[in-house]
Amino acid sequence: MSAMVIDDPAVKAEVEAVFALYEAALVGNDVATLERLFHDDPRTIRYGAAENLHGMEAIRAFRRARPPQGLARTLEGTVITTYGRDLAVAMTLFRRDAAPGRIGRQSQTWIRFPDGWKVVAAHVSVIDEPA
């Protein structure tokens, strides 16, 4: 049995690219791309800052109803780690000008499927800025 390769440069570059695509779609409210980047399955989960979404239908309904204003943000401390060729975890902090004194945290689990990289689990939370 061969050892699992963590952070293979080619795989990491793929995930960094799809993560950047996701971020652009998020701040641009490109709902079609956001939906395409989540695995279309009832087991896909997105826990948001104010919602618990179980399954792609719930995620779709949330995305389609969300107002397009106030989505701009700045990322910092982004860490993307790949495990083998088909699994990655992306973690980042974010700030929004509209929410001074608060810092957001986002985690995503990405899996490579035959049709590309997809988020299967995501979590977003916001906390007060640490002192």
N, C-alpha and C. Protein backbone atom coordinates (compact mmCIF):
# COMPACT_ATOMS: atom_id res chain seq x y z
N MET A 1 0.85 -1.17 0.00
CA MET A 1 0.00 0.00 0.00
C MET A 1 0.90 1.24 0.00
N SER A 2 0.61 2.16 -0.89
CA SER A 2 1.42 3.37 -0.95
C SER A 2 0.89 4.42 0.03
N ALA A 3 1.76 5.29 0.44
CA ALA A 3 1.38 6.34 1.38
C ALA A 3 0.52 7.38 0.68
N MET A 4 -0.43 7.92 1.40
CA MET A 4 -1.26 8.99 0.86
C MET A 4 -0.41 10.25 0.68
N VAL A 5 -0.57 10.90 -0.45
CA VAL A 5 0.15 12.15 -0.70
C VAL A 5 -0.73 13.30 -0.21
N ILE A 6 -0.18 14.09 0.68
CA ILE A 6 -0.87 15.28 1.18
C ILE A 6 -0.29 16.48 0.45
N ASP A 7 -1.17 17.30 -0.08
CA ASP A 7 -0.80 18.52 -0.81
C ASP A 7 0.03 18.25 -2.07
N ASP A 8 -0.38 17.26 -2.84
CA ASP A 8 0.21 17.07 -4.16
C ASP A 8 0.03 18.39 -4.92
N PRO A 9 1.10 18.95 -5.46
CA PRO A 9 1.01 20.28 -6.09
C PRO A 9 -0.05 20.39 -7.19
N ALA A 10 -0.19 19.38 -8.03
CA ALA A 10 -1.18 19.45 -9.11
C ALA A 10 -2.61 19.42 -8.56
N VAL A 11 -2.86 18.56 -7.59
CA VAL A 11 -4.20 18.46 -7.00
C VAL A 11 -4.52 19.75 -6.25
N LYS A 12 -3.53 20.24 -5.49
CA LYS A 12 -3.75 21.47 -4.73
C LYS A 12 -4.08 22.64 -5.66
N ALA A 13 -3.40 22.72 -6.79
CA ALA A 13 -3.68 23.79 -7.76
C ALA A 13 -5.11 23.69 -8.29
N GLU A 14 -5.59 22.47 -8.52
CA GLU A 14 -6.97 22.29 -8.98
C GLU A 14 -7.96 22.81 -7.94
N VAL A 15 -7.73 22.46 -6.68
CA VAL A 15 -8.66 22.87 -5.63
C VAL A 15 -8.56 24.37 -5.39
N GLU A 16 -7.37 24.94 -5.44
CA GLU A 16 -7.23 26.39 -5.30
C GLU A 16 -8.01 27.10 -6.40
N ALA A 17 -7.99 26.56 -7.60
CA ALA A 17 -8.73 27.18 -8.71
C ALA A 17 -10.24 27.09 -8.50
N VAL A 18 -10.72 25.94 -8.08
CA VAL A 18 -12.17 25.80 -7.88
C VAL A 18 -12.62 26.60 -6.65
N PHE A 19 -11.77 26.72 -5.64
CA PHE A 19 -12.07 27.56 -4.48
C PHE A 19 -12.19 29.02 -4.91
N ALA A 20 -11.28 29.48 -5.78
CA ALA A 20 -11.34 30.86 -6.28
C ALA A 20 -12.61 31.07 -7.12
N LEU A 21 -12.99 30.08 -7.91
CA LEU A 21 -14.23 30.15 -8.69
C LEU A 21 -15.43 30.26 -7.76
N TYR A 22 -15.44 29.48 -6.69
CA TYR A 22 -16.51 29.53 -5.71
C TYR A 22 -16.59 30.93 -5.08
N GLU A 23 -15.45 31.46 -4.68
CA GLU A 23 -15.44 32.77 -4.03
C GLU A 23 -15.96 33.86 -4.96
N ALA A 24 -15.54 33.83 -6.22
CA ALA A 24 -16.03 34.81 -7.19
C ALA A 24 -17.54 34.66 -7.39
N ALA A 25 -18.02 33.44 -7.45
CA ALA A 25 -19.46 33.21 -7.59
C ALA A 25 -20.22 33.68 -6.36
N LEU A 26 -19.64 33.48 -5.19
CA LEU A 26 -20.29 33.90 -3.95
C LEU A 26 -20.46 35.41 -3.89
N VAL A 27 -19.38 36.14 -4.07
CA VAL A 27 -19.47 37.60 -3.94
C VAL A 27 -20.22 38.22 -5.13
N GLY A 28 -20.25 37.52 -6.27
CA GLY A 28 -20.99 38.00 -7.43
C GLY A 28 -22.41 37.49 -7.51
N ASN A 29 -22.83 36.71 -6.51
CA ASN A 29 -24.16 36.11 -6.46
C ASN A 29 -24.49 35.32 -7.73
N ASP A 30 -23.52 34.57 -8.22
CA ASP A 30 -23.70 33.70 -9.37
C ASP A 30 -24.27 32.37 -8.86
N VAL A 31 -25.58 32.35 -8.70
CA VAL A 31 -26.25 31.22 -8.06
C VAL A 31 -26.05 29.93 -8.85
N ALA A 32 -26.07 30.00 -10.17
CA ALA A 32 -25.91 28.80 -10.99
C ALA A 32 -24.54 28.14 -10.72
N THR A 33 -23.50 28.95 -10.64
CA THR A 33 -22.17 28.39 -10.37
C THR A 33 -22.10 27.85 -8.95
N LEU A 34 -22.66 28.57 -7.98
CA LEU A 34 -22.66 28.07 -6.61
C LEU A 34 -23.36 26.73 -6.52
N GLU A 35 -24.49 26.60 -7.19
CA GLU A 35 -25.22 25.33 -7.17
C GLU A 35 -24.40 24.23 -7.84
N ARG A 36 -23.73 24.55 -8.93
CA ARG A 36 -22.92 23.56 -9.65
C ARG A 36 -21.75 23.07 -8.81
N LEU A 37 -21.25 23.92 -7.91
CA LEU A 37 -20.08 23.56 -7.10
C LEU A 37 -20.42 22.79 -5.83
N PHE A 38 -21.70 22.61 -5.54
CA PHE A 38 -22.12 21.76 -4.42
C PHE A 38 -22.58 20.42 -4.99
N HIS A 39 -22.25 19.35 -4.30
CA HIS A 39 -22.68 18.01 -4.72
C HIS A 39 -24.19 17.93 -4.60
N ASP A 40 -24.86 17.57 -5.69
CA ASP A 40 -26.32 17.52 -5.74
C ASP A 40 -26.79 16.20 -5.12
N ASP A 41 -26.98 16.24 -3.80
CA ASP A 41 -27.29 15.03 -3.05
C ASP A 41 -27.99 15.41 -1.75
N PRO A 42 -28.94 14.61 -1.30
CA PRO A 42 -29.62 14.93 -0.04
C PRO A 42 -28.70 14.86 1.18
N ARG A 43 -27.51 14.26 1.04
CA ARG A 43 -26.57 14.17 2.16
C ARG A 43 -25.61 15.35 2.22
N THR A 44 -25.65 16.24 1.24
CA THR A 44 -24.80 17.43 1.27
C THR A 44 -25.34 18.39 2.32
N ILE A 45 -24.44 18.96 3.11
CA ILE A 45 -24.85 19.82 4.23
C ILE A 45 -24.12 21.15 4.15
N ARG A 46 -24.87 22.22 4.44
CA ARG A 46 -24.28 23.55 4.59
C ARG A 46 -24.87 24.16 5.86
N TYR A 47 -24.04 24.33 6.86
CA TYR A 47 -24.44 25.04 8.07
C TYR A 47 -23.99 26.48 7.89
N GLY A 48 -24.94 27.40 7.83
CA GLY A 48 -24.63 28.80 7.63
C GLY A 48 -24.62 29.57 8.92
N ALA A 49 -24.42 30.86 8.80
CA ALA A 49 -24.37 31.72 9.98
C ALA A 49 -25.72 31.74 10.70
N ALA A 50 -26.81 31.54 9.96
CA ALA A 50 -28.14 31.60 10.57
C ALA A 50 -29.06 30.50 10.08
N GLU A 51 -28.52 29.47 9.42
CA GLU A 51 -29.37 28.42 8.87
C GLU A 51 -28.64 27.09 8.87
N ASN A 52 -29.43 26.02 8.97
CA ASN A 52 -28.91 24.66 8.88
C ASN A 52 -29.57 24.02 7.66
N LEU A 53 -28.76 23.78 6.62
CA LEU A 53 -29.30 23.30 5.35
C LEU A 53 -28.86 21.86 5.13
N HIS A 54 -29.82 20.96 5.11
CA HIS A 54 -29.57 19.54 4.90
C HIS A 54 -30.09 19.17 3.52
N GLY A 55 -29.18 18.82 2.62
CA GLY A 55 -29.57 18.41 1.28
C GLY A 55 -29.49 19.55 0.28
N MET A 56 -29.25 19.17 -0.97
CA MET A 56 -29.07 20.17 -2.02
C MET A 56 -30.33 20.98 -2.27
N GLU A 57 -31.50 20.40 -2.09
CA GLU A 57 -32.74 21.18 -2.30
C GLU A 57 -32.81 22.34 -1.32
N ALA A 58 -32.44 22.13 -0.07
CA ALA A 58 -32.45 23.21 0.92
C ALA A 58 -31.38 24.25 0.59
N ILE A 59 -30.22 23.79 0.13
CA ILE A 59 -29.15 24.71 -0.25
C ILE A 59 -29.59 25.56 -1.44
N ARG A 60 -30.22 24.93 -2.44
CA ARG A 60 -30.74 25.66 -3.60
C ARG A 60 -31.74 26.73 -3.17
N ALA A 61 -32.68 26.34 -2.33
CA ALA A 61 -33.72 27.29 -1.90
C ALA A 61 -33.09 28.49 -1.19
N PHE A 62 -32.11 28.23 -0.34
CA PHE A 62 -31.42 29.32 0.35
C PHE A 62 -30.72 30.24 -0.65
N ARG A 63 -29.93 29.68 -1.54
CA ARG A 63 -29.18 30.49 -2.51
C ARG A 63 -30.11 31.32 -3.37
N ARG A 64 -31.19 30.74 -3.82
CA ARG A 64 -32.12 31.45 -4.72
C ARG A 64 -32.89 32.55 -4.02
N ALA A 65 -33.05 32.44 -2.71
CA ALA A 65 -33.80 33.46 -1.95
C ALA A 65 -32.91 34.53 -1.34
N ARG A 66 -31.62 34.30 -1.30
CA ARG A 66 -30.71 35.23 -0.62
C ARG A 66 -30.58 36.53 -1.40
N PRO A 67 -30.69 37.68 -0.70
CA PRO A 67 -30.50 38.97 -1.39
C PRO A 67 -29.07 39.10 -1.91
N PRO A 68 -28.89 39.73 -3.07
CA PRO A 68 -27.55 39.84 -3.65
C PRO A 68 -26.70 40.95 -3.05
N GLN A 69 -27.23 41.73 -2.13
CA GLN A 69 -26.46 42.82 -1.53
C GLN A 69 -25.64 42.33 -0.34
N GLY A 70 -24.54 43.03 -0.10
CA GLY A 70 -23.74 42.77 1.09
C GLY A 70 -22.93 41.49 1.07
N LEU A 71 -22.61 40.99 -0.11
CA LEU A 71 -21.88 39.74 -0.21
C LEU A 71 -20.37 39.93 -0.31
N ALA A 72 -19.91 41.14 -0.61
CA ALA A 72 -18.47 41.39 -0.74
C ALA A 72 -17.77 41.10 0.58
N ARG A 73 -16.58 40.55 0.47
CA ARG A 73 -15.82 40.23 1.66
C ARG A 73 -14.35 40.11 1.30
N THR A 74 -13.53 40.12 2.33
CA THR A 74 -12.09 39.94 2.17
C THR A 74 -11.70 38.67 2.90
N LEU A 75 -10.94 37.82 2.22
CA LEU A 75 -10.48 36.57 2.83
C LEU A 75 -9.11 36.76 3.46
N GLU A 76 -8.85 35.98 4.49
CA GLU A 76 -7.50 35.96 5.08
C GLU A 76 -7.27 34.61 5.73
N GLY A 77 -6.01 34.23 5.79
CA GLY A 77 -5.63 32.99 6.45
C GLY A 77 -6.18 31.75 5.79
N THR A 78 -6.40 31.79 4.48
CA THR A 78 -6.96 30.63 3.78
C THR A 78 -5.95 29.48 3.76
N VAL A 79 -6.44 28.30 4.14
CA VAL A 79 -5.62 27.08 4.12
C VAL A 79 -6.39 26.03 3.35
N ILE A 80 -5.77 25.52 2.29
CA ILE A 80 -6.36 24.43 1.52
C ILE A 80 -5.40 23.25 1.62
N THR A 81 -5.92 22.11 2.07
CA THR A 81 -5.11 20.92 2.22
C THR A 81 -5.77 19.80 1.42
N THR A 82 -4.98 19.11 0.60
CA THR A 82 -5.50 17.99 -0.16
C THR A 82 -4.98 16.69 0.44
N TYR A 83 -5.83 15.67 0.36
CA TYR A 83 -5.50 14.35 0.89
C TYR A 83 -5.71 13.35 -0.24
N GLY A 84 -4.62 12.85 -0.81
CA GLY A 84 -4.75 12.00 -1.97
C GLY A 84 -5.17 12.84 -3.17
N ARG A 85 -5.82 12.21 -4.13
CA ARG A 85 -6.19 12.90 -5.36
C ARG A 85 -7.63 13.41 -5.35
N ASP A 86 -8.45 12.98 -4.37
CA ASP A 86 -9.88 13.21 -4.49
C ASP A 86 -10.56 13.87 -3.30
N LEU A 87 -9.79 14.33 -2.31
CA LEU A 87 -10.39 14.95 -1.13
C LEU A 87 -9.57 16.17 -0.73
N ALA A 88 -10.28 17.24 -0.38
CA ALA A 88 -9.61 18.45 0.08
C ALA A 88 -10.47 19.14 1.12
N VAL A 89 -9.79 19.89 1.98
CA VAL A 89 -10.46 20.72 2.98
C VAL A 89 -9.97 22.15 2.77
N ALA A 90 -10.92 23.08 2.72
CA ALA A 90 -10.59 24.50 2.57
C ALA A 90 -11.13 25.25 3.78
N MET A 91 -10.25 26.00 4.42
CA MET A 91 -10.62 26.78 5.60
C MET A 91 -10.19 28.22 5.36
N THR A 92 -11.05 29.17 5.72
CA THR A 92 -10.67 30.57 5.56
C THR A 92 -11.41 31.43 6.57
N LEU A 93 -10.81 32.57 6.84
CA LEU A 93 -11.47 33.62 7.61
C LEU A 93 -11.92 34.68 6.62
N PHE A 94 -12.97 35.42 6.97
CA PHE A 94 -13.41 36.51 6.10
C PHE A 94 -13.94 37.67 6.92
N ARG A 95 -13.85 38.85 6.30
CA ARG A 95 -14.37 40.08 6.91
C ARG A 95 -15.25 40.79 5.90
N ARG A 96 -16.27 41.44 6.43
CA ARG A 96 -17.16 42.27 5.61
C ARG A 96 -17.15 43.68 6.18
N ASP A 97 -17.04 44.67 5.28
CA ASP A 97 -17.05 46.07 5.72
C ASP A 97 -18.32 46.40 6.49
N ALA A 98 -19.42 45.74 6.13
CA ALA A 98 -20.70 46.01 6.78
C ALA A 98 -20.78 45.43 8.19
N ALA A 99 -19.78 44.66 8.60
CA ALA A 99 -19.81 44.02 9.92
C ALA A 99 -18.49 44.25 10.65
N PRO A 100 -18.15 45.50 10.96
CA PRO A 100 -16.89 45.74 11.67
C PRO A 100 -16.91 45.09 13.05
N GLY A 101 -15.74 44.64 13.48
CA GLY A 101 -15.65 43.98 14.79
C GLY A 101 -16.06 42.53 14.78
N ARG A 102 -16.41 42.00 13.60
CA ARG A 102 -16.83 40.59 13.47
C ARG A 102 -15.90 39.90 12.47
N ILE A 103 -15.68 38.62 12.68
CA ILE A 103 -14.87 37.84 11.74
C ILE A 103 -15.61 36.55 11.42
N GLY A 104 -15.65 36.25 10.12
CA GLY A 104 -16.33 35.04 9.67
C GLY A 104 -15.33 33.90 9.53
N ARG A 105 -15.86 32.69 9.66
CA ARG A 105 -15.06 31.48 9.50
C ARG A 105 -15.82 30.56 8.55
N GLN A 106 -15.09 30.02 7.60
CA GLN A 106 -15.71 29.14 6.61
C GLN A 106 -14.87 27.89 6.44
N SER A 107 -15.54 26.76 6.44
CA SER A 107 -14.86 25.50 6.14
C SER A 107 -15.65 24.76 5.07
N GLN A 108 -14.92 24.09 4.19
CA GLN A 108 -15.55 23.32 3.13
C GLN A 108 -14.79 22.00 2.96
N THR A 109 -15.54 20.94 2.74
CA THR A 109 -14.95 19.66 2.36
C THR A 109 -15.28 19.45 0.89
N TRP A 110 -14.23 19.31 0.08
CA TRP A 110 -14.36 19.13 -1.37
C TRP A 110 -14.00 17.69 -1.73
N ILE A 111 -14.79 17.10 -2.63
CA ILE A 111 -14.54 15.76 -3.15
C ILE A 111 -14.49 15.84 -4.67
N ARG A 112 -13.55 15.11 -5.27
CA ARG A 112 -13.51 15.04 -6.74
C ARG A 112 -14.50 13.95 -7.19
N PHE A 113 -15.48 14.36 -7.98
CA PHE A 113 -16.43 13.45 -8.59
C PHE A 113 -16.10 13.36 -10.09
N PRO A 114 -16.71 12.43 -10.81
CA PRO A 114 -16.43 12.34 -12.25
C PRO A 114 -16.66 13.67 -12.99
N ASP A 115 -17.59 14.49 -12.50
CA ASP A 115 -17.87 15.78 -13.17
C ASP A 115 -17.16 16.95 -12.49
N GLY A 116 -16.17 16.67 -11.65
CA GLY A 116 -15.36 17.75 -11.07
C GLY A 116 -15.45 17.83 -9.56
N TRP A 117 -14.75 18.82 -9.02
CA TRP A 117 -14.70 19.05 -7.58
C TRP A 117 -16.02 19.64 -7.10
N LYS A 118 -16.53 19.09 -5.97
CA LYS A 118 -17.80 19.55 -5.40
C LYS A 118 -17.68 19.64 -3.88
N VAL A 119 -18.37 20.62 -3.31
CA VAL A 119 -18.47 20.73 -1.86
C VAL A 119 -19.51 19.72 -1.38
N VAL A 120 -19.15 18.92 -0.38
CA VAL A 120 -20.09 17.97 0.22
C VAL A 120 -20.51 18.39 1.62
N ALA A 121 -19.71 19.27 2.23
CA ALA A 121 -20.03 19.78 3.56
C ALA A 121 -19.41 21.17 3.69
N ALA A 122 -20.18 22.10 4.26
CA ALA A 122 -19.69 23.46 4.46
C ALA A 122 -20.23 23.99 5.77
N HIS A 123 -19.46 24.87 6.36
CA HIS A 123 -19.86 25.50 7.63
C HIS A 123 -19.40 26.95 7.59
N VAL A 124 -20.31 27.84 7.94
CA VAL A 124 -19.99 29.27 8.01
C VAL A 124 -20.46 29.77 9.38
N SER A 125 -19.60 30.49 10.06
CA SER A 125 -20.00 31.11 11.33
C SER A 125 -19.30 32.45 11.45
N VAL A 126 -19.88 33.29 12.29
CA VAL A 126 -19.33 34.62 12.52
C VAL A 126 -19.22 34.83 14.02
N ILE A 127 -18.06 35.35 14.44
CA ILE A 127 -17.83 35.62 15.86
C ILE A 127 -17.34 37.05 16.04
N ASP A 128 -17.38 37.51 17.27
CA ASP A 128 -16.78 38.81 17.57
C ASP A 128 -15.28 38.71 17.37
N GLU A 129 -14.69 39.80 16.89
CA GLU A 129 -13.24 39.87 16.69
C GLU A 129 -12.55 39.59 18.02
N PRO A 130 -11.63 38.61 18.05
CA PRO A 130 -10.89 38.38 19.31
C PRO A 130 -10.12 39.62 19.73
N ALA A 131 -10.01 39.83 21.02
CA ALA A 131 -9.32 41.02 21.55
C ALA A 131 -7.83 40.98 21.25
